[in-house]
N, C-alpha and C. Protein backbone atom coordinates (compact mmCIF):
# COMPACT_ATOMS: atom_id res chain seq x y z
N MET A 1 129.89 100.88 74.27
CA MET A 1 130.52 101.96 75.04
C MET A 1 129.45 102.91 75.54
N SER A 2 129.66 103.42 76.75
CA SER A 2 128.67 104.38 77.26
C SER A 2 129.38 105.60 77.81
N ARG A 3 129.16 105.88 79.07
CA ARG A 3 129.62 107.13 79.67
C ARG A 3 131.13 107.34 79.49
N ASN A 4 131.49 108.59 79.14
CA ASN A 4 132.90 108.93 79.00
C ASN A 4 133.55 108.91 80.38
N ASP A 5 134.66 108.18 80.54
CA ASP A 5 135.26 108.02 81.86
C ASP A 5 136.26 109.12 82.22
N GLY A 6 136.38 110.13 81.36
CA GLY A 6 137.27 111.24 81.65
C GLY A 6 138.66 111.07 81.08
N ARG A 7 139.03 109.84 80.69
CA ARG A 7 140.36 109.62 80.11
C ARG A 7 140.38 109.95 78.62
N GLU A 8 139.20 110.05 78.03
CA GLU A 8 139.08 110.31 76.60
C GLU A 8 138.44 111.68 76.39
N ARG A 9 139.01 112.48 75.50
CA ARG A 9 138.38 113.75 75.15
C ARG A 9 137.47 113.48 73.96
N LEU A 10 136.17 113.57 74.20
CA LEU A 10 135.18 113.20 73.19
C LEU A 10 134.35 114.42 72.81
N VAL A 11 134.54 114.90 71.60
CA VAL A 11 133.73 115.99 71.07
C VAL A 11 132.82 115.41 70.00
N ILE A 12 131.52 115.66 70.16
CA ILE A 12 130.51 115.16 69.21
C ILE A 12 129.85 116.36 68.54
N ALA A 13 129.92 116.41 67.22
CA ALA A 13 129.31 117.48 66.44
C ALA A 13 128.03 116.96 65.80
N VAL A 14 126.93 117.65 66.04
CA VAL A 14 125.63 117.25 65.49
C VAL A 14 125.09 118.42 64.67
N ASP A 15 125.03 118.25 63.37
CA ASP A 15 124.52 119.29 62.49
C ASP A 15 123.24 118.83 61.81
N GLY A 16 122.53 119.79 61.23
CA GLY A 16 121.32 119.45 60.48
C GLY A 16 120.40 120.64 60.34
N PRO A 17 119.41 120.53 59.48
CA PRO A 17 118.47 121.63 59.25
C PRO A 17 117.46 121.76 60.37
N ALA A 18 116.62 122.77 60.27
CA ALA A 18 115.60 123.05 61.29
C ALA A 18 114.66 121.87 61.45
N ALA A 19 114.32 121.56 62.71
CA ALA A 19 113.32 120.53 63.06
C ALA A 19 113.70 119.14 62.58
N SER A 20 114.99 118.88 62.42
CA SER A 20 115.43 117.56 61.98
C SER A 20 115.52 116.57 63.13
N GLY A 21 115.48 117.07 64.37
CA GLY A 21 115.64 116.22 65.53
C GLY A 21 117.05 116.25 66.09
N LYS A 22 117.90 117.12 65.54
CA LYS A 22 119.30 117.14 65.98
C LYS A 22 119.45 117.53 67.44
N GLY A 23 118.61 118.46 67.92
CA GLY A 23 118.71 118.89 69.30
C GLY A 23 118.34 117.77 70.27
N THR A 24 117.27 117.06 69.94
CA THR A 24 116.85 115.93 70.78
C THR A 24 117.95 114.88 70.84
N LEU A 25 118.53 114.57 69.69
CA LEU A 25 119.58 113.56 69.65
C LEU A 25 120.84 114.04 70.36
N ALA A 26 121.17 115.31 70.20
CA ALA A 26 122.37 115.84 70.87
C ALA A 26 122.21 115.76 72.38
N ARG A 27 121.03 116.08 72.89
CA ARG A 27 120.79 115.97 74.33
C ARG A 27 120.88 114.52 74.79
N ARG A 28 120.35 113.60 74.00
CA ARG A 28 120.44 112.18 74.35
C ARG A 28 121.90 111.73 74.39
N LEU A 29 122.67 112.16 73.42
CA LEU A 29 124.09 111.79 73.38
C LEU A 29 124.84 112.36 74.58
N ALA A 30 124.55 113.61 74.91
CA ALA A 30 125.22 114.24 76.06
C ALA A 30 124.91 113.48 77.35
N ALA A 31 123.65 113.09 77.52
CA ALA A 31 123.27 112.34 78.72
C ALA A 31 123.92 110.96 78.72
N HIS A 32 123.94 110.31 77.58
CA HIS A 32 124.49 108.95 77.49
C HIS A 32 125.98 108.91 77.81
N TYR A 33 126.72 109.89 77.31
CA TYR A 33 128.17 109.89 77.50
C TYR A 33 128.63 110.78 78.65
N GLY A 34 127.68 111.41 79.35
CA GLY A 34 128.04 112.25 80.49
C GLY A 34 128.83 113.48 80.10
N LEU A 35 128.42 114.14 79.00
CA LEU A 35 129.13 115.30 78.48
C LEU A 35 128.28 116.55 78.56
N PRO A 36 128.91 117.72 78.69
CA PRO A 36 128.15 118.98 78.63
C PRO A 36 127.61 119.19 77.22
N TYR A 37 126.47 119.88 77.14
CA TYR A 37 125.79 120.06 75.85
C TYR A 37 125.53 121.53 75.57
N LEU A 38 125.75 121.93 74.32
CA LEU A 38 125.45 123.30 73.90
C LEU A 38 124.60 123.28 72.64
N ASP A 39 123.42 123.91 72.74
CA ASP A 39 122.57 124.17 71.57
C ASP A 39 123.04 125.49 70.99
N THR A 40 123.88 125.44 69.97
CA THR A 40 124.46 126.68 69.45
C THR A 40 123.42 127.57 68.78
N GLY A 41 122.31 126.97 68.36
CA GLY A 41 121.26 127.77 67.76
C GLY A 41 120.70 128.80 68.73
N LEU A 42 120.75 128.48 70.04
CA LEU A 42 120.26 129.44 71.02
C LEU A 42 121.10 130.71 71.03
N LEU A 43 122.39 130.61 70.72
CA LEU A 43 123.23 131.80 70.68
C LEU A 43 122.74 132.77 69.61
N TYR A 44 122.39 132.23 68.46
CA TYR A 44 121.87 133.08 67.38
C TYR A 44 120.50 133.63 67.73
N ARG A 45 119.71 132.84 68.44
CA ARG A 45 118.41 133.34 68.90
C ARG A 45 118.59 134.47 69.91
N MET A 46 119.60 134.36 70.77
CA MET A 46 119.88 135.43 71.72
C MET A 46 120.23 136.73 71.00
N VAL A 47 121.08 136.62 70.00
CA VAL A 47 121.45 137.81 69.23
C VAL A 47 120.23 138.41 68.56
N ALA A 48 119.41 137.56 67.94
CA ALA A 48 118.21 138.05 67.27
C ALA A 48 117.26 138.71 68.27
N ARG A 49 117.08 138.09 69.43
CA ARG A 49 116.21 138.64 70.47
C ARG A 49 116.72 140.01 70.90
N ALA A 50 118.02 140.13 71.10
CA ALA A 50 118.60 141.40 71.54
C ALA A 50 118.45 142.48 70.47
N VAL A 51 118.63 142.11 69.21
CA VAL A 51 118.46 143.07 68.12
C VAL A 51 117.03 143.59 68.09
N LEU A 52 116.07 142.69 68.18
CA LEU A 52 114.67 143.09 68.14
C LEU A 52 114.29 143.90 69.38
N ASP A 53 114.74 143.46 70.56
CA ASP A 53 114.40 144.16 71.80
C ASP A 53 114.97 145.58 71.82
N ALA A 54 116.09 145.78 71.12
CA ALA A 54 116.71 147.11 71.07
C ALA A 54 116.05 148.01 70.02
N GLY A 55 115.09 147.46 69.30
CA GLY A 55 114.37 148.25 68.31
C GLY A 55 115.04 148.35 66.96
N HIS A 56 116.05 147.52 66.72
CA HIS A 56 116.75 147.54 65.44
C HIS A 56 116.02 146.67 64.41
N ASP A 57 116.23 146.97 63.16
CA ASP A 57 115.75 146.09 62.09
C ASP A 57 116.58 144.81 62.12
N ILE A 58 115.92 143.67 61.94
CA ILE A 58 116.63 142.39 62.04
C ILE A 58 117.68 142.26 60.93
N GLN A 59 117.58 143.06 59.89
CA GLN A 59 118.56 143.03 58.81
C GLN A 59 119.78 143.92 59.09
N ASP A 60 119.78 144.61 60.23
CA ASP A 60 120.86 145.55 60.56
C ASP A 60 122.10 144.78 61.04
N ALA A 61 123.00 144.50 60.12
CA ALA A 61 124.19 143.70 60.44
C ALA A 61 125.12 144.40 61.42
N ASP A 62 125.21 145.72 61.35
CA ASP A 62 126.08 146.45 62.27
C ASP A 62 125.57 146.34 63.71
N ALA A 63 124.25 146.47 63.87
CA ALA A 63 123.67 146.35 65.21
C ALA A 63 123.87 144.95 65.76
N ALA A 64 123.67 143.95 64.92
CA ALA A 64 123.84 142.56 65.35
C ALA A 64 125.29 142.30 65.75
N ALA A 65 126.23 142.81 64.97
CA ALA A 65 127.65 142.60 65.27
C ALA A 65 128.04 143.26 66.59
N ALA A 66 127.49 144.43 66.87
CA ALA A 66 127.79 145.11 68.13
C ALA A 66 127.25 144.33 69.32
N ILE A 67 126.08 143.72 69.15
CA ILE A 67 125.48 142.94 70.22
C ILE A 67 126.30 141.68 70.50
N VAL A 68 126.79 141.04 69.46
CA VAL A 68 127.58 139.82 69.62
C VAL A 68 128.80 140.06 70.51
N ALA A 69 129.37 141.24 70.41
CA ALA A 69 130.60 141.55 71.15
C ALA A 69 130.39 141.66 72.65
N SER A 70 129.13 141.83 73.09
CA SER A 70 128.94 142.13 74.51
C SER A 70 127.77 141.45 75.20
N PHE A 71 126.98 140.64 74.50
CA PHE A 71 125.77 140.13 75.14
C PHE A 71 126.07 139.08 76.20
N ASP A 72 125.19 139.02 77.19
CA ASP A 72 125.31 138.10 78.32
C ASP A 72 124.31 136.97 78.13
N GLU A 73 124.80 135.75 77.96
CA GLU A 73 123.91 134.62 77.72
C GLU A 73 122.91 134.41 78.85
N ALA A 74 123.31 134.73 80.07
CA ALA A 74 122.43 134.52 81.23
C ALA A 74 121.23 135.46 81.23
N ALA A 75 121.26 136.49 80.40
CA ALA A 75 120.18 137.48 80.40
C ALA A 75 118.97 137.04 79.60
N PHE A 76 119.04 135.87 78.97
CA PHE A 76 117.96 135.43 78.08
C PHE A 76 117.34 134.13 78.58
N PRO A 77 116.17 134.19 79.23
CA PRO A 77 115.48 132.96 79.61
C PRO A 77 115.17 132.15 78.35
N GLU A 78 115.33 130.84 78.42
CA GLU A 78 115.15 130.02 77.22
C GLU A 78 113.74 130.15 76.64
N ASP A 79 112.75 130.34 77.50
CA ASP A 79 111.37 130.48 77.01
C ASP A 79 111.22 131.67 76.07
N SER A 80 112.05 132.70 76.26
CA SER A 80 111.95 133.89 75.41
C SER A 80 112.60 133.68 74.05
N LEU A 81 113.24 132.54 73.87
CA LEU A 81 113.99 132.29 72.65
C LEU A 81 113.32 131.28 71.73
N ARG A 82 112.15 130.82 72.12
CA ARG A 82 111.43 129.83 71.32
C ARG A 82 110.35 130.51 70.48
N GLY A 83 109.82 129.78 69.54
CA GLY A 83 108.74 130.32 68.71
C GLY A 83 109.21 130.59 67.29
N ARG A 84 108.25 130.65 66.38
CA ARG A 84 108.56 130.80 64.96
C ARG A 84 109.22 132.14 64.65
N GLU A 85 108.72 133.21 65.26
CA GLU A 85 109.23 134.54 64.93
C GLU A 85 110.72 134.66 65.25
N ILE A 86 111.09 134.23 66.45
CA ILE A 86 112.49 134.36 66.85
C ILE A 86 113.36 133.37 66.07
N GLY A 87 112.80 132.22 65.71
CA GLY A 87 113.55 131.27 64.90
C GLY A 87 113.86 131.83 63.52
N GLU A 88 112.88 132.48 62.93
CA GLU A 88 113.09 133.10 61.62
C GLU A 88 114.11 134.23 61.72
N ALA A 89 114.01 135.04 62.78
CA ALA A 89 114.95 136.14 62.98
C ALA A 89 116.37 135.61 63.20
N ALA A 90 116.48 134.52 63.93
CA ALA A 90 117.80 133.92 64.18
C ALA A 90 118.44 133.45 62.88
N SER A 91 117.61 132.92 61.98
CA SER A 91 118.13 132.48 60.70
C SER A 91 118.68 133.64 59.88
N VAL A 92 118.07 134.82 60.05
CA VAL A 92 118.55 136.01 59.34
C VAL A 92 119.92 136.45 59.89
N VAL A 93 120.04 136.57 61.21
CA VAL A 93 121.32 137.03 61.76
C VAL A 93 122.41 135.98 61.59
N ALA A 94 122.02 134.71 61.54
CA ALA A 94 123.01 133.65 61.37
C ALA A 94 123.69 133.71 60.01
N ALA A 95 123.07 134.38 59.06
CA ALA A 95 123.67 134.52 57.73
C ALA A 95 124.66 135.67 57.66
N MET A 96 124.80 136.42 58.75
CA MET A 96 125.70 137.58 58.76
C MET A 96 127.10 137.14 59.17
N PRO A 97 128.10 137.32 58.31
CA PRO A 97 129.47 136.87 58.63
C PRO A 97 130.01 137.41 59.95
N ALA A 98 129.71 138.67 60.28
CA ALA A 98 130.23 139.25 61.52
C ALA A 98 129.63 138.57 62.75
N VAL A 99 128.38 138.16 62.65
CA VAL A 99 127.73 137.46 63.76
C VAL A 99 128.35 136.07 63.92
N ARG A 100 128.50 135.35 62.82
CA ARG A 100 129.05 134.01 62.90
C ARG A 100 130.48 134.03 63.44
N SER A 101 131.30 134.94 62.92
CA SER A 101 132.69 134.99 63.39
C SER A 101 132.77 135.41 64.85
N GLY A 102 131.85 136.28 65.27
CA GLY A 102 131.85 136.73 66.65
C GLY A 102 131.45 135.66 67.65
N LEU A 103 130.72 134.64 67.19
CA LEU A 103 130.27 133.58 68.09
C LEU A 103 131.18 132.35 68.06
N ILE A 104 132.11 132.31 67.13
CA ILE A 104 132.98 131.14 67.01
C ILE A 104 133.75 130.88 68.30
N ALA A 105 134.34 131.91 68.88
CA ALA A 105 135.16 131.72 70.08
C ALA A 105 134.35 131.16 71.24
N ARG A 106 133.11 131.64 71.42
CA ARG A 106 132.27 131.12 72.51
C ARG A 106 132.04 129.62 72.32
N GLN A 107 131.74 129.22 71.11
CA GLN A 107 131.45 127.81 70.85
C GLN A 107 132.69 126.94 71.01
N ARG A 108 133.82 127.43 70.54
CA ARG A 108 135.05 126.64 70.66
C ARG A 108 135.52 126.53 72.10
N ARG A 109 135.29 127.56 72.89
CA ARG A 109 135.62 127.46 74.33
C ARG A 109 134.81 126.35 74.97
N PHE A 110 133.53 126.28 74.63
CA PHE A 110 132.67 125.24 75.20
C PHE A 110 133.17 123.87 74.76
N ALA A 111 133.48 123.73 73.49
CA ALA A 111 133.95 122.44 72.97
C ALA A 111 135.30 122.05 73.55
N GLY A 112 136.07 123.03 74.02
CA GLY A 112 137.42 122.77 74.50
C GLY A 112 137.52 122.27 75.92
N GLN A 113 136.39 121.98 76.56
CA GLN A 113 136.43 121.47 77.93
C GLN A 113 137.20 120.15 77.98
N ALA A 114 137.78 119.88 79.13
CA ALA A 114 138.74 118.78 79.26
C ALA A 114 138.22 117.44 78.74
N GLY A 115 137.00 117.08 79.11
CA GLY A 115 136.48 115.78 78.71
C GLY A 115 135.78 115.78 77.37
N GLY A 116 135.58 116.98 76.80
CA GLY A 116 134.86 117.08 75.54
C GLY A 116 133.48 117.67 75.74
N ALA A 117 132.64 117.58 74.72
CA ALA A 117 131.31 118.17 74.77
C ALA A 117 130.51 117.71 73.56
N VAL A 118 129.21 117.96 73.63
CA VAL A 118 128.31 117.74 72.50
C VAL A 118 127.77 119.10 72.08
N LEU A 119 127.89 119.43 70.81
CA LEU A 119 127.35 120.69 70.29
C LEU A 119 126.47 120.38 69.10
N ASP A 120 125.34 121.07 69.01
CA ASP A 120 124.54 120.92 67.80
C ASP A 120 124.32 122.28 67.14
N GLY A 121 124.20 122.25 65.83
CA GLY A 121 124.01 123.48 65.07
C GLY A 121 123.96 123.20 63.59
N ARG A 122 124.57 124.09 62.82
CA ARG A 122 124.58 123.93 61.37
C ARG A 122 125.99 123.92 60.78
N ASP A 123 126.98 124.32 61.57
CA ASP A 123 128.36 124.33 61.06
C ASP A 123 129.34 123.78 62.09
N ILE A 124 128.86 122.91 62.96
CA ILE A 124 129.73 122.41 64.03
C ILE A 124 130.84 121.53 63.45
N GLY A 125 130.46 120.57 62.62
CA GLY A 125 131.45 119.66 62.06
C GLY A 125 132.32 120.25 60.98
N THR A 126 131.86 121.34 60.36
CA THR A 126 132.62 121.94 59.26
C THR A 126 133.47 123.12 59.68
N VAL A 127 133.02 123.90 60.68
CA VAL A 127 133.70 125.14 61.05
C VAL A 127 134.12 125.18 62.51
N ILE A 128 133.17 124.92 63.42
CA ILE A 128 133.44 125.08 64.85
C ILE A 128 134.37 123.99 65.37
N CYS A 129 134.06 122.75 65.08
CA CYS A 129 134.84 121.62 65.59
C CYS A 129 135.20 120.66 64.45
N PRO A 130 136.01 121.11 63.50
CA PRO A 130 136.34 120.23 62.37
C PRO A 130 137.10 118.98 62.78
N GLU A 131 137.70 119.00 63.98
CA GLU A 131 138.45 117.83 64.45
C GLU A 131 137.63 116.97 65.41
N ALA A 132 136.33 117.18 65.48
CA ALA A 132 135.48 116.39 66.39
C ALA A 132 135.64 114.90 66.13
N ARG A 133 135.64 114.12 67.20
CA ARG A 133 135.80 112.67 67.07
C ARG A 133 134.64 112.07 66.28
N ALA A 134 133.43 112.53 66.58
CA ALA A 134 132.24 111.99 65.91
C ALA A 134 131.42 113.13 65.34
N LYS A 135 130.99 112.97 64.08
CA LYS A 135 130.18 113.99 63.42
C LYS A 135 128.94 113.34 62.84
N LEU A 136 127.79 113.89 63.19
CA LEU A 136 126.52 113.42 62.65
C LEU A 136 125.85 114.56 61.90
N PHE A 137 125.23 114.23 60.78
CA PHE A 137 124.39 115.19 60.07
C PHE A 137 122.98 114.60 60.08
N VAL A 138 122.12 115.20 60.89
CA VAL A 138 120.77 114.68 61.12
C VAL A 138 119.79 115.40 60.20
N THR A 139 118.99 114.64 59.47
CA THR A 139 118.04 115.27 58.56
C THR A 139 116.74 114.47 58.52
N ALA A 140 115.77 115.01 57.81
CA ALA A 140 114.48 114.37 57.56
C ALA A 140 113.85 115.16 56.43
N THR A 141 112.82 114.62 55.82
CA THR A 141 112.17 115.34 54.73
C THR A 141 111.54 116.62 55.26
N PRO A 142 111.39 117.64 54.42
CA PRO A 142 110.73 118.88 54.87
C PRO A 142 109.34 118.63 55.44
N GLU A 143 108.61 117.71 54.85
CA GLU A 143 107.25 117.43 55.32
C GLU A 143 107.25 116.82 56.71
N VAL A 144 108.16 115.90 56.96
CA VAL A 144 108.25 115.29 58.29
C VAL A 144 108.68 116.34 59.31
N ARG A 145 109.63 117.17 58.95
CA ARG A 145 110.09 118.21 59.87
C ARG A 145 108.99 119.22 60.17
N ALA A 146 108.20 119.56 59.16
CA ALA A 146 107.09 120.50 59.37
C ALA A 146 106.04 119.89 60.29
N ALA A 147 105.77 118.61 60.13
CA ALA A 147 104.79 117.94 60.99
C ALA A 147 105.28 117.92 62.44
N ARG A 148 106.56 117.68 62.64
CA ARG A 148 107.11 117.68 64.00
C ARG A 148 107.00 119.07 64.63
N ARG A 149 107.39 120.08 63.87
CA ARG A 149 107.33 121.44 64.40
C ARG A 149 105.88 121.85 64.68
N HIS A 150 104.95 121.41 63.84
CA HIS A 150 103.54 121.72 64.05
C HIS A 150 103.05 121.13 65.36
N ARG A 151 103.42 119.87 65.63
CA ARG A 151 103.03 119.23 66.90
C ARG A 151 103.66 119.96 68.08
N GLU A 152 104.92 120.36 67.93
CA GLU A 152 105.61 121.07 69.01
C GLU A 152 104.91 122.38 69.34
N LEU A 153 104.58 123.16 68.32
CA LEU A 153 103.93 124.45 68.53
C LEU A 153 102.53 124.26 69.09
N ALA A 154 101.82 123.26 68.60
CA ALA A 154 100.47 122.99 69.11
C ALA A 154 100.53 122.63 70.59
N GLY A 155 101.56 121.88 70.98
CA GLY A 155 101.72 121.51 72.37
C GLY A 155 101.99 122.70 73.28
N ARG A 156 102.54 123.77 72.71
CA ARG A 156 102.78 124.99 73.47
C ARG A 156 101.65 125.99 73.32
N GLY A 157 100.62 125.61 72.57
CA GLY A 157 99.49 126.50 72.39
C GLY A 157 99.73 127.63 71.42
N GLU A 158 100.73 127.49 70.55
CA GLU A 158 101.04 128.53 69.58
C GLU A 158 100.32 128.23 68.27
N PRO A 159 99.51 129.17 67.77
CA PRO A 159 98.78 128.93 66.52
C PRO A 159 99.71 128.89 65.32
N ALA A 160 99.53 127.89 64.49
CA ALA A 160 100.33 127.76 63.27
C ALA A 160 99.69 126.72 62.38
N THR A 161 99.86 126.87 61.08
CA THR A 161 99.35 125.88 60.14
C THR A 161 100.51 125.05 59.61
N PHE A 162 100.20 123.82 59.24
CA PHE A 162 101.23 122.95 58.66
C PHE A 162 101.83 123.59 57.42
N GLU A 163 100.98 124.16 56.58
CA GLU A 163 101.45 124.77 55.33
C GLU A 163 102.40 125.93 55.60
N GLY A 164 102.05 126.76 56.60
CA GLY A 164 102.91 127.89 56.93
C GLY A 164 104.26 127.45 57.48
N ILE A 165 104.24 126.42 58.32
CA ILE A 165 105.48 125.90 58.88
C ILE A 165 106.35 125.29 57.79
N LEU A 166 105.72 124.55 56.87
CA LEU A 166 106.48 123.94 55.78
C LEU A 166 107.15 125.02 54.92
N ALA A 167 106.43 126.10 54.66
CA ALA A 167 107.01 127.21 53.89
C ALA A 167 108.19 127.83 54.65
N ASP A 168 108.03 127.99 55.97
CA ASP A 168 109.12 128.53 56.79
C ASP A 168 110.36 127.64 56.71
N ILE A 169 110.15 126.34 56.83
CA ILE A 169 111.27 125.39 56.82
C ILE A 169 112.00 125.42 55.48
N ARG A 170 111.24 125.45 54.40
CA ARG A 170 111.88 125.49 53.08
C ARG A 170 112.66 126.79 52.89
N ARG A 171 112.11 127.89 53.41
CA ARG A 171 112.80 129.17 53.30
C ARG A 171 114.09 129.16 54.13
N ARG A 172 114.01 128.60 55.33
CA ARG A 172 115.21 128.54 56.18
C ARG A 172 116.25 127.60 55.60
N ASP A 173 115.81 126.48 55.03
CA ASP A 173 116.75 125.56 54.39
C ASP A 173 117.53 126.27 53.29
N ALA A 174 116.80 127.03 52.46
CA ALA A 174 117.44 127.74 51.36
C ALA A 174 118.43 128.78 51.87
N ARG A 175 118.04 129.50 52.93
CA ARG A 175 118.93 130.52 53.49
C ARG A 175 120.16 129.88 54.14
N ASP A 176 119.93 128.82 54.92
CA ASP A 176 121.04 128.19 55.64
C ASP A 176 122.03 127.52 54.68
N SER A 177 121.51 126.89 53.64
CA SER A 177 122.38 126.19 52.70
C SER A 177 123.02 127.12 51.68
N GLY A 178 122.37 128.26 51.42
CA GLY A 178 122.85 129.15 50.38
C GLY A 178 123.72 130.29 50.83
N ARG A 179 123.87 130.48 52.15
CA ARG A 179 124.69 131.61 52.61
C ARG A 179 126.16 131.38 52.25
N SER A 180 126.87 132.46 52.05
CA SER A 180 128.27 132.36 51.64
C SER A 180 129.19 131.97 52.79
N ASP A 181 128.83 132.33 54.01
CA ASP A 181 129.67 132.08 55.17
C ASP A 181 129.15 130.89 55.96
N ALA A 182 129.94 129.83 56.05
CA ALA A 182 129.59 128.63 56.82
C ALA A 182 128.21 128.09 56.48
N PRO A 183 127.97 127.75 55.22
CA PRO A 183 126.65 127.21 54.86
C PRO A 183 126.40 125.85 55.50
N LEU A 184 125.13 125.52 55.65
CA LEU A 184 124.75 124.21 56.15
C LEU A 184 125.11 123.17 55.09
N LYS A 185 125.97 122.23 55.46
CA LYS A 185 126.34 121.17 54.52
C LYS A 185 126.91 119.99 55.30
N LEU A 186 126.93 118.86 54.65
CA LEU A 186 127.45 117.63 55.24
C LEU A 186 128.97 117.67 55.24
N ALA A 187 129.57 117.54 56.43
CA ALA A 187 131.03 117.46 56.50
C ALA A 187 131.49 116.18 55.81
N GLU A 188 132.68 116.22 55.23
CA GLU A 188 133.17 115.07 54.47
C GLU A 188 133.26 113.81 55.32
N ASP A 189 133.55 113.97 56.60
CA ASP A 189 133.71 112.81 57.48
C ASP A 189 132.53 112.63 58.43
N ALA A 190 131.37 113.20 58.09
CA ALA A 190 130.18 113.04 58.92
C ALA A 190 129.35 111.86 58.46
N VAL A 191 128.55 111.34 59.36
CA VAL A 191 127.59 110.28 59.03
C VAL A 191 126.22 110.92 58.88
N LEU A 192 125.56 110.66 57.77
CA LEU A 192 124.22 111.18 57.51
C LEU A 192 123.20 110.28 58.16
N LEU A 193 122.39 110.83 59.06
CA LEU A 193 121.35 110.08 59.76
C LEU A 193 120.00 110.66 59.38
N ASP A 194 119.24 109.93 58.57
CA ASP A 194 117.91 110.36 58.15
C ASP A 194 116.89 109.81 59.15
N THR A 195 116.22 110.71 59.85
CA THR A 195 115.28 110.30 60.90
C THR A 195 113.83 110.31 60.43
N SER A 196 113.60 110.46 59.13
CA SER A 196 112.23 110.61 58.61
C SER A 196 111.31 109.49 59.08
N ALA A 197 111.80 108.26 59.06
CA ALA A 197 110.97 107.11 59.40
C ALA A 197 111.36 106.48 60.73
N LEU A 198 112.13 107.19 61.54
CA LEU A 198 112.60 106.64 62.81
C LEU A 198 111.87 107.27 63.99
N THR A 199 111.62 106.47 65.03
CA THR A 199 111.14 107.02 66.28
C THR A 199 112.31 107.68 67.00
N ILE A 200 112.01 108.42 68.05
CA ILE A 200 113.08 109.05 68.82
C ILE A 200 114.04 108.00 69.36
N GLU A 201 113.47 106.90 69.88
CA GLU A 201 114.33 105.86 70.46
C GLU A 201 115.20 105.21 69.39
N GLU A 202 114.62 104.97 68.21
CA GLU A 202 115.40 104.36 67.13
C GLU A 202 116.51 105.30 66.67
N ALA A 203 116.18 106.58 66.55
CA ALA A 203 117.18 107.56 66.12
C ALA A 203 118.29 107.69 67.15
N ALA A 204 117.92 107.69 68.44
CA ALA A 204 118.93 107.79 69.50
C ALA A 204 119.85 106.58 69.50
N ALA A 205 119.28 105.40 69.31
CA ALA A 205 120.10 104.19 69.26
C ALA A 205 121.06 104.24 68.08
N ALA A 206 120.57 104.73 66.94
CA ALA A 206 121.43 104.84 65.76
C ALA A 206 122.55 105.85 66.00
N ALA A 207 122.22 106.97 66.64
CA ALA A 207 123.23 108.00 66.91
C ALA A 207 124.31 107.48 67.85
N ILE A 208 123.89 106.77 68.89
CA ILE A 208 124.86 106.19 69.83
C ILE A 208 125.75 105.18 69.11
N GLY A 209 125.14 104.40 68.23
CA GLY A 209 125.93 103.44 67.46
C GLY A 209 126.98 104.11 66.59
N ILE A 210 126.60 105.25 66.00
CA ILE A 210 127.55 106.01 65.17
C ILE A 210 128.73 106.49 66.01
N VAL A 211 128.42 107.08 67.17
CA VAL A 211 129.48 107.61 68.02
C VAL A 211 130.38 106.49 68.53
N ASP A 212 129.78 105.38 68.95
CA ASP A 212 130.60 104.27 69.44
C ASP A 212 131.53 103.74 68.35
N ALA A 213 131.02 103.69 67.12
CA ALA A 213 131.86 103.23 66.01
C ALA A 213 133.02 104.18 65.77
N ARG A 214 132.76 105.48 65.90
CA ARG A 214 133.82 106.47 65.72
C ARG A 214 134.86 106.38 66.84
N ARG A 215 134.40 106.12 68.04
CA ARG A 215 135.34 106.00 69.17
C ARG A 215 136.23 104.77 69.00
N ALA A 216 135.64 103.70 68.49
CA ALA A 216 136.39 102.46 68.33
C ALA A 216 137.30 102.49 67.10
N ASN A 217 136.88 103.24 66.08
CA ASN A 217 137.63 103.24 64.82
C ASN A 217 137.56 104.63 64.20
N PRO A 218 138.41 105.55 64.63
CA PRO A 218 138.34 106.93 64.15
C PRO A 218 138.52 107.06 62.64
N GLY A 219 139.25 106.16 61.99
CA GLY A 219 139.50 106.29 60.56
C GLY A 219 138.48 105.57 59.73
N HIS A 220 137.23 106.00 59.79
CA HIS A 220 136.11 105.33 59.14
C HIS A 220 135.76 106.01 57.82
N GLU A 221 134.89 105.38 57.08
CA GLU A 221 134.31 105.97 55.88
C GLU A 221 132.99 106.64 56.22
N ASN A 222 132.53 107.50 55.32
CA ASN A 222 131.20 108.09 55.47
C ASN A 222 130.16 106.99 55.41
N ALA A 223 129.01 107.27 55.96
CA ALA A 223 127.91 106.31 55.91
C ALA A 223 126.60 107.07 55.87
N ILE A 224 125.57 106.37 55.44
CA ILE A 224 124.22 106.92 55.44
C ILE A 224 123.34 105.96 56.21
N ILE A 225 122.60 106.47 57.18
CA ILE A 225 121.71 105.63 57.98
C ILE A 225 120.31 106.20 57.91
N SER A 226 119.36 105.35 57.57
CA SER A 226 117.96 105.76 57.55
C SER A 226 117.14 104.56 57.96
N ASP A 227 115.90 104.52 57.47
CA ASP A 227 115.05 103.38 57.81
C ASP A 227 115.48 102.15 57.02
């Protein structure tokens, strides 16, 4: 199965920790099935960017909640939302219940488009789109994820050490998994895709296979896919 022909409403939820490859796979899935794509992590980065630009402390939950109620997504060039600092700040605001609840409606509106959509994040399959036709939980070892992020930052000319990135990833994993509101976790009906030993092409092929299996047989069991 390939491109969605419009007769089927196909929502694909892609969750996973930082630098797991979920964004790359979500974009591949969106292109393959002809669906709109939303990187929900960018919404949290926008809130974090706005909090910092307004001179507030990143821990100021009231300021973050006020920004969520009124911010304009078009006001944030994507280039301004990348980098370690803003990623760390986004992880802080993402742990705030008022921020998460304030962004739920935006994400669900996107997912509610007639033909469906692909969304990636950390709580798509568990909170935002619990009824998604296909759910993937994309992961890799912390060391592999740190190496990927190190290459990415080096390619953009951003100074960073592997050790520092690994520490950041472990800290974000603990924060994302340990928060009380919508923690990062595997949905009961999601397929776990470990990309540690997979190339991008291999991971994309595996992801497409997962979605096609879900489309053909919605009442499936959980599965684990790795090397």
